[in-house]
Amino acid sequence: MNTCAICGKSSGLFELRIEEDGDETLRHVCGKCWDTIAGIALRAVSDRLDALENRLAELEDHEVSPYEAAMIIERANER
């Protein structure tokens, strides 16, 4: 019987596919834990976009060429 990988609940489960280094793992999570994971992911993406927008604004203030700005942002994304 499948249970939530986070809280152990056994009903109302969703499949969560996790891919890391080309390997895919399947876990089951309940709706509440799914919502928590989605909220954390949304917050992380939102924070990253805000940081990139702030960095782009800084670059525009320093009159960096679009090419230089793209290279700086690309390097930041690699971190």
N, C-alpha and C. Protein backbone atom coordinates (compact mmCIF):
# COMPACT_ATOMS: atom_id res chain seq x y z
N MET A 1 0.85 -1.19 0.00
CA MET A 1 0.00 0.00 0.00
C MET A 1 0.89 1.25 0.00
N ASN A 2 0.53 2.20 -0.82
CA ASN A 2 1.29 3.44 -0.91
C ASN A 2 0.90 4.39 0.21
N THR A 3 1.88 5.13 0.68
CA THR A 3 1.65 6.17 1.69
C THR A 3 2.39 7.43 1.28
N CYS A 4 1.96 8.54 1.84
CA CYS A 4 2.61 9.81 1.56
C CYS A 4 4.06 9.74 2.04
N ALA A 5 4.98 10.12 1.17
CA ALA A 5 6.41 10.08 1.49
C ALA A 5 6.78 11.08 2.57
N ILE A 6 5.89 12.04 2.85
CA ILE A 6 6.20 13.08 3.82
C ILE A 6 5.51 12.82 5.16
N CYS A 7 4.17 12.64 5.11
CA CYS A 7 3.43 12.53 6.37
C CYS A 7 2.90 11.13 6.67
N GLY A 8 2.95 10.23 5.70
CA GLY A 8 2.52 8.86 5.93
C GLY A 8 1.04 8.58 5.68
N LYS A 9 0.28 9.58 5.30
CA LYS A 9 -1.15 9.40 5.02
C LYS A 9 -1.31 8.43 3.85
N SER A 10 -2.39 7.63 3.87
CA SER A 10 -2.54 6.61 2.84
C SER A 10 -3.68 6.86 1.86
N SER A 11 -4.38 7.98 1.96
CA SER A 11 -5.48 8.25 1.03
C SER A 11 -5.27 9.59 0.33
N GLY A 12 -5.92 9.73 -0.84
CA GLY A 12 -5.83 10.97 -1.60
C GLY A 12 -4.42 11.28 -2.07
N LEU A 13 -3.73 10.27 -2.58
CA LEU A 13 -2.32 10.43 -2.95
C LEU A 13 -2.14 10.84 -4.41
N PHE A 14 -1.09 11.58 -4.65
CA PHE A 14 -0.67 11.98 -5.99
C PHE A 14 0.71 11.41 -6.23
N GLU A 15 1.03 11.16 -7.50
CA GLU A 15 2.38 10.71 -7.85
C GLU A 15 3.28 11.92 -8.05
N LEU A 16 4.42 11.89 -7.43
CA LEU A 16 5.41 12.95 -7.56
C LEU A 16 6.64 12.33 -8.20
N ARG A 17 6.96 12.78 -9.41
CA ARG A 17 8.13 12.27 -10.12
C ARG A 17 9.29 13.23 -9.89
N ILE A 18 10.37 12.68 -9.39
CA ILE A 18 11.56 13.48 -9.09
C ILE A 18 12.67 13.02 -10.02
N GLU A 19 13.23 13.97 -10.77
CA GLU A 19 14.33 13.64 -11.68
C GLU A 19 15.59 14.32 -11.18
N GLU A 20 16.63 13.51 -11.01
CA GLU A 20 17.91 14.04 -10.56
C GLU A 20 19.03 13.31 -11.30
N ASP A 21 19.87 14.06 -11.96
CA ASP A 21 20.99 13.50 -12.71
C ASP A 21 20.54 12.41 -13.68
N GLY A 22 19.40 12.62 -14.34
CA GLY A 22 18.91 11.67 -15.32
C GLY A 22 18.15 10.48 -14.75
N ASP A 23 18.15 10.32 -13.43
CA ASP A 23 17.41 9.24 -12.79
C ASP A 23 16.07 9.75 -12.31
N GLU A 24 15.02 8.99 -12.58
CA GLU A 24 13.68 9.39 -12.16
C GLU A 24 13.21 8.50 -11.01
N THR A 25 12.67 9.13 -9.98
CA THR A 25 12.14 8.43 -8.82
C THR A 25 10.68 8.80 -8.67
N LEU A 26 9.86 7.83 -8.32
CA LEU A 26 8.43 8.07 -8.13
C LEU A 26 8.12 7.99 -6.64
N ARG A 27 7.49 9.02 -6.11
CA ARG A 27 7.04 9.05 -4.72
C ARG A 27 5.57 9.41 -4.71
N HIS A 28 4.90 9.09 -3.64
CA HIS A 28 3.50 9.45 -3.47
C HIS A 28 3.39 10.49 -2.37
N VAL A 29 2.57 11.50 -2.59
CA VAL A 29 2.33 12.53 -1.58
C VAL A 29 0.83 12.82 -1.52
N CYS A 30 0.36 13.18 -0.33
CA CYS A 30 -1.05 13.53 -0.18
C CYS A 30 -1.28 14.96 -0.67
N GLY A 31 -2.54 15.33 -0.78
CA GLY A 31 -2.88 16.66 -1.30
C GLY A 31 -2.31 17.80 -0.47
N LYS A 32 -2.33 17.65 0.85
CA LYS A 32 -1.81 18.72 1.72
C LYS A 32 -0.30 18.89 1.52
N CYS A 33 0.41 17.78 1.48
CA CYS A 33 1.86 17.86 1.28
C CYS A 33 2.18 18.35 -0.14
N TRP A 34 1.36 17.94 -1.12
CA TRP A 34 1.52 18.42 -2.50
C TRP A 34 1.41 19.94 -2.53
N ASP A 35 0.39 20.48 -1.85
CA ASP A 35 0.21 21.93 -1.81
C ASP A 35 1.40 22.62 -1.16
N THR A 36 1.95 22.00 -0.11
CA THR A 36 3.12 22.57 0.56
C THR A 36 4.32 22.59 -0.38
N ILE A 37 4.56 21.49 -1.08
CA ILE A 37 5.67 21.42 -2.03
C ILE A 37 5.49 22.47 -3.13
N ALA A 38 4.27 22.58 -3.65
CA ALA A 38 3.99 23.56 -4.71
C ALA A 38 4.23 24.98 -4.21
N GLY A 39 3.82 25.26 -2.98
CA GLY A 39 4.03 26.59 -2.41
C GLY A 39 5.50 26.93 -2.27
N ILE A 40 6.28 25.96 -1.82
CA ILE A 40 7.73 26.17 -1.67
C ILE A 40 8.37 26.40 -3.03
N ALA A 41 7.99 25.59 -4.02
CA ALA A 41 8.55 25.74 -5.37
C ALA A 41 8.19 27.09 -5.96
N LEU A 42 6.94 27.50 -5.79
CA LEU A 42 6.50 28.79 -6.32
C LEU A 42 7.27 29.93 -5.66
N ARG A 43 7.48 29.84 -4.37
CA ARG A 43 8.23 30.88 -3.65
C ARG A 43 9.68 30.94 -4.14
N ALA A 44 10.29 29.78 -4.34
CA ALA A 44 11.68 29.74 -4.81
C ALA A 44 11.81 30.35 -6.20
N VAL A 45 10.89 30.01 -7.09
CA VAL A 45 10.92 30.57 -8.45
C VAL A 45 10.68 32.07 -8.41
N SER A 46 9.73 32.50 -7.60
CA SER A 46 9.41 33.92 -7.48
C SER A 46 10.61 34.70 -6.95
N ASP A 47 11.28 34.16 -5.92
CA ASP A 47 12.46 34.81 -5.36
C ASP A 47 13.57 34.91 -6.40
N ARG A 48 13.77 33.85 -7.19
CA ARG A 48 14.82 33.84 -8.20
C ARG A 48 14.52 34.86 -9.29
N LEU A 49 13.26 34.92 -9.73
CA LEU A 49 12.89 35.91 -10.75
C LEU A 49 13.07 37.33 -10.24
N ASP A 50 12.69 37.57 -8.99
CA ASP A 50 12.89 38.90 -8.40
C ASP A 50 14.37 39.27 -8.38
N ALA A 51 15.22 38.32 -8.01
CA ALA A 51 16.65 38.58 -7.96
C ALA A 51 17.19 38.89 -9.35
N LEU A 52 16.74 38.14 -10.36
CA LEU A 52 17.20 38.40 -11.73
C LEU A 52 16.70 39.75 -12.23
N GLU A 53 15.46 40.10 -11.91
CA GLU A 53 14.94 41.41 -12.32
C GLU A 53 15.71 42.54 -11.65
N ASN A 54 16.05 42.38 -10.38
CA ASN A 54 16.83 43.40 -9.68
C ASN A 54 18.22 43.53 -10.28
N ARG A 55 18.82 42.39 -10.60
CA ARG A 55 20.16 42.42 -11.20
C ARG A 55 20.11 43.08 -12.58
N LEU A 56 19.08 42.78 -13.35
CA LEU A 56 18.93 43.40 -14.67
C LEU A 56 18.77 44.91 -14.54
N ALA A 57 17.99 45.35 -13.56
CA ALA A 57 17.81 46.79 -13.33
C ALA A 57 19.14 47.45 -12.98
N GLU A 58 19.96 46.78 -12.15
CA GLU A 58 21.28 47.31 -11.81
C GLU A 58 22.15 47.43 -13.05
N LEU A 59 22.09 46.41 -13.90
CA LEU A 59 22.90 46.44 -15.12
C LEU A 59 22.45 47.56 -16.05
N GLU A 60 21.15 47.77 -16.15
CA GLU A 60 20.64 48.85 -17.01
C GLU A 60 21.09 50.21 -16.49
N ASP A 61 21.17 50.35 -15.16
CA ASP A 61 21.63 51.61 -14.57
C ASP A 61 23.10 51.89 -14.89
N HIS A 62 23.88 50.85 -15.14
CA HIS A 62 25.30 51.01 -15.41
C HIS A 62 25.62 51.00 -16.91
N GLU A 63 24.59 51.09 -17.73
CA GLU A 63 24.75 51.16 -19.17
C GLU A 63 25.61 50.03 -19.74
N VAL A 64 25.27 48.83 -19.33
CA VAL A 64 25.93 47.63 -19.86
C VAL A 64 25.22 47.26 -21.15
N SER A 65 25.97 46.81 -22.14
CA SER A 65 25.35 46.42 -23.41
C SER A 65 24.43 45.21 -23.19
N PRO A 66 23.43 45.05 -24.04
CA PRO A 66 22.53 43.90 -23.90
C PRO A 66 23.28 42.57 -23.92
N TYR A 67 24.34 42.47 -24.73
CA TYR A 67 25.13 41.24 -24.78
C TYR A 67 25.81 40.99 -23.44
N GLU A 68 26.45 42.04 -22.88
CA GLU A 68 27.11 41.89 -21.59
C GLU A 68 26.11 41.53 -20.50
N ALA A 69 24.94 42.14 -20.53
CA ALA A 69 23.90 41.83 -19.55
C ALA A 69 23.47 40.37 -19.66
N ALA A 70 23.29 39.90 -20.89
CA ALA A 70 22.90 38.50 -21.09
C ALA A 70 23.96 37.55 -20.56
N MET A 71 25.23 37.87 -20.79
CA MET A 71 26.32 37.02 -20.31
C MET A 71 26.38 37.00 -18.79
N ILE A 72 26.18 38.15 -18.15
CA ILE A 72 26.20 38.22 -16.69
C ILE A 72 25.04 37.41 -16.11
N ILE A 73 23.87 37.54 -16.70
CA ILE A 73 22.71 36.80 -16.21
C ILE A 73 22.90 35.30 -16.44
N GLU A 74 23.47 34.93 -17.58
CA GLU A 74 23.72 33.51 -17.85
C GLU A 74 24.68 32.93 -16.81
N ARG A 75 25.73 33.68 -16.47
CA ARG A 75 26.67 33.21 -15.45
C ARG A 75 25.99 33.11 -14.09
N ALA A 76 25.09 34.04 -13.79
CA ALA A 76 24.37 33.99 -12.51
C ALA A 76 23.46 32.77 -12.45
N ASN A 77 22.87 32.40 -13.58
CA ASN A 77 21.99 31.24 -13.62
C ASN A 77 22.75 29.93 -13.47
N GLU A 78 24.02 29.93 -13.81
CA GLU A 78 24.83 28.71 -13.69
C GLU A 78 25.17 28.40 -12.25
N ARG A 79 25.06 29.37 -11.36
CA ARG A 79 25.41 29.15 -9.95
C ARG A 79 24.42 28.30 -9.26
